[in-house]
Amino acid sequence: MGLLDGLEKLINEHGSATILKERIALLNDQHALVEKQAAALKEQITHLQGENERLKLDKQQLQQQIKTLESSHNINPHNYVCDHCGSDNLNRAGSRPDPTFGDLGIKQSLFNCLSCGKQSAFTQNP
């Protein structure tokens, strides 16, 4: 039995070494795959961070445009243009009765032009 025990031990050790070698090779393959995935994810993160920064800048620009449009809309909501220079940079100055239809309750909106300094009047729709 001593001889068979030694042979059995040799077979078990050789089999274990082969199995161990196969498992190490499998782990190395899996590790290489995980490294490739990590590199791809790092590249994707870098791309997404750049895109995120670009979108933040776009958002800020759009918010600024909204503020500009809102402020200009409140100053000149009907997008009137100056009778004298054609600028739309008008500031509401008040209203007065329309010279022709004032007896009917129709009024004119008065606007001061911030470009040329002159005043324009526009009949309000009833």
Protein backbone atom coordinates (compact mmCIF):
# COMPACT_ATOMS: atom_id res chain seq x y z
CA MET A 1 0.00 0.00 0.00
CA GLY A 2 2.88 2.32 0.53
CA LEU A 3 3.64 2.40 -3.17
CA LEU A 4 0.02 3.13 -4.15
CA ASP A 5 -0.27 5.81 -1.50
CA GLY A 6 2.71 7.62 -3.00
CA LEU A 7 1.33 7.25 -6.49
CA GLU A 8 -2.10 8.50 -5.36
CA LYS A 9 -0.42 11.46 -3.64
CA LEU A 10 1.54 12.25 -6.82
CA ILE A 11 -1.64 12.09 -8.94
CA ASN A 12 -3.53 14.31 -6.47
CA GLU A 13 -0.71 16.85 -6.34
CA HIS A 14 -0.34 16.90 -10.10
CA GLY A 15 -4.11 17.16 -10.55
CA SER A 16 -4.32 19.94 -7.98
CA ALA A 17 -1.48 21.80 -9.65
CA THR A 18 -3.18 21.49 -13.02
CA ILE A 19 -6.50 22.64 -11.59
CA LEU A 20 -4.75 25.47 -9.78
CA LYS A 21 -2.96 26.45 -12.98
CA GLU A 22 -6.29 26.48 -14.89
CA ARG A 23 -7.94 28.57 -12.19
CA ILE A 24 -5.06 31.07 -12.17
CA ALA A 25 -5.30 31.36 -15.96
CA LEU A 26 -9.05 31.92 -15.66
CA LEU A 27 -8.51 34.58 -12.98
CA ASN A 28 -5.88 36.28 -15.16
CA ASP A 29 -8.33 36.37 -18.08
CA GLN A 30 -11.05 37.78 -15.85
CA HIS A 31 -8.63 40.35 -14.43
CA ALA A 32 -7.63 41.48 -17.94
CA LEU A 33 -11.31 41.81 -18.87
CA VAL A 34 -12.03 43.86 -15.74
CA GLU A 35 -9.06 46.12 -16.52
CA LYS A 36 -10.38 46.70 -20.06
CA GLN A 37 -13.82 47.52 -18.67
CA ALA A 38 -12.32 49.89 -16.08
CA ALA A 39 -10.34 51.70 -18.79
CA ALA A 40 -13.46 52.02 -20.95
CA LEU A 41 -15.44 53.33 -17.99
CA LYS A 42 -12.73 55.87 -17.14
CA GLU A 43 -12.82 57.10 -20.73
CA GLN A 44 -16.60 57.31 -20.60
CA ILE A 45 -16.46 59.23 -17.30
CA THR A 46 -14.01 61.72 -18.80
CA HIS A 47 -16.27 62.18 -21.83
CA LEU A 48 -19.37 62.61 -19.67
CA GLN A 49 -17.64 65.09 -17.37
CA GLY A 50 -16.70 67.19 -20.40
CA GLU A 51 -20.22 66.99 -21.74
CA ASN A 52 -21.60 67.91 -18.31
CA GLU A 53 -19.40 71.03 -18.18
CA ARG A 54 -20.51 72.00 -21.69
CA LEU A 55 -24.16 71.56 -20.71
CA LYS A 56 -23.64 73.67 -17.58
CA LEU A 57 -22.24 76.48 -19.72
CA ASP A 58 -25.12 76.14 -22.17
CA LYS A 59 -27.56 76.27 -19.27
CA GLN A 60 -25.98 79.45 -17.91
CA GLN A 61 -26.07 81.08 -21.34
CA LEU A 62 -29.72 80.11 -21.82
CA GLN A 63 -30.64 81.39 -18.36
CA GLN A 64 -28.95 84.69 -19.19
CA GLN A 65 -30.83 84.86 -22.49
CA ILE A 66 -34.09 84.18 -20.64
CA LYS A 67 -33.38 87.00 -18.19
CA THR A 68 -32.53 89.34 -21.05
CA LEU A 69 -35.67 88.41 -22.96
CA GLU A 70 -37.85 88.68 -19.85
CA SER A 71 -36.47 92.11 -18.99
CA SER A 72 -36.84 93.37 -22.56
CA HIS A 73 -40.32 91.87 -22.79
CA ASN A 74 -41.41 93.70 -19.64
CA ILE A 75 -40.02 96.98 -20.99
CA ASN A 76 -41.39 96.55 -24.54
CA PRO A 77 -43.88 93.65 -24.40
CA HIS A 78 -45.31 94.20 -27.91
CA ASN A 79 -41.90 94.58 -29.55
CA TYR A 80 -42.65 98.09 -30.80
CA VAL A 81 -39.90 99.91 -32.67
CA CYS A 82 -38.98 103.58 -32.48
CA ASP A 83 -40.72 105.78 -35.07
CA HIS A 84 -37.49 107.76 -35.50
CA CYS A 85 -34.57 105.31 -35.54
CA GLY A 86 -36.22 101.85 -35.74
CA SER A 87 -34.66 100.57 -32.53
CA ASP A 88 -36.63 98.18 -30.32
CA ASN A 89 -34.78 99.42 -27.25
CA LEU A 90 -37.82 101.22 -25.86
CA ASN A 91 -38.83 101.99 -22.30
CA ARG A 92 -42.47 102.51 -21.35
CA ALA A 93 -43.08 106.13 -20.34
CA GLY A 94 -46.83 106.07 -19.77
CA SER A 95 -50.03 106.52 -21.75
CA ARG A 96 -52.33 109.24 -23.04
CA PRO A 97 -55.70 109.40 -24.76
CA ASP A 98 -55.47 108.68 -28.46
CA PRO A 99 -55.70 111.98 -30.39
CA THR A 100 -58.30 110.60 -32.80
CA PHE A 101 -60.21 108.02 -30.74
CA GLY A 102 -59.59 109.32 -27.22
CA ASP A 103 -63.30 110.15 -26.76
CA LEU A 104 -64.01 106.43 -27.19
CA GLY A 105 -61.61 105.52 -24.37
CA ILE A 106 -58.79 104.35 -26.61
CA LYS A 107 -55.31 105.22 -25.35
CA GLN A 108 -51.82 105.39 -26.75
CA SER A 109 -48.80 103.88 -25.00
CA LEU A 110 -45.81 106.21 -24.83
CA PHE A 111 -42.30 104.83 -25.11
CA ASN A 112 -38.95 106.58 -24.81
CA CYS A 113 -36.26 105.29 -27.15
CA LEU A 114 -33.10 104.43 -25.26
CA SER A 115 -31.09 104.62 -28.50
CA CYS A 116 -32.04 108.05 -29.89
CA GLY A 117 -33.86 109.58 -26.89
CA LYS A 118 -37.04 110.44 -28.79
CA GLN A 119 -40.57 109.45 -27.88
CA SER A 120 -42.94 107.23 -29.86
CA ALA A 121 -46.64 106.61 -29.29
CA PHE A 122 -48.54 103.44 -30.14
CA THR A 123 -52.30 102.97 -30.06
CA GLN A 124 -53.31 100.24 -27.64
CA ASN A 125 -55.62 97.52 -28.84
CA PRO A 126 -58.86 97.52 -26.84
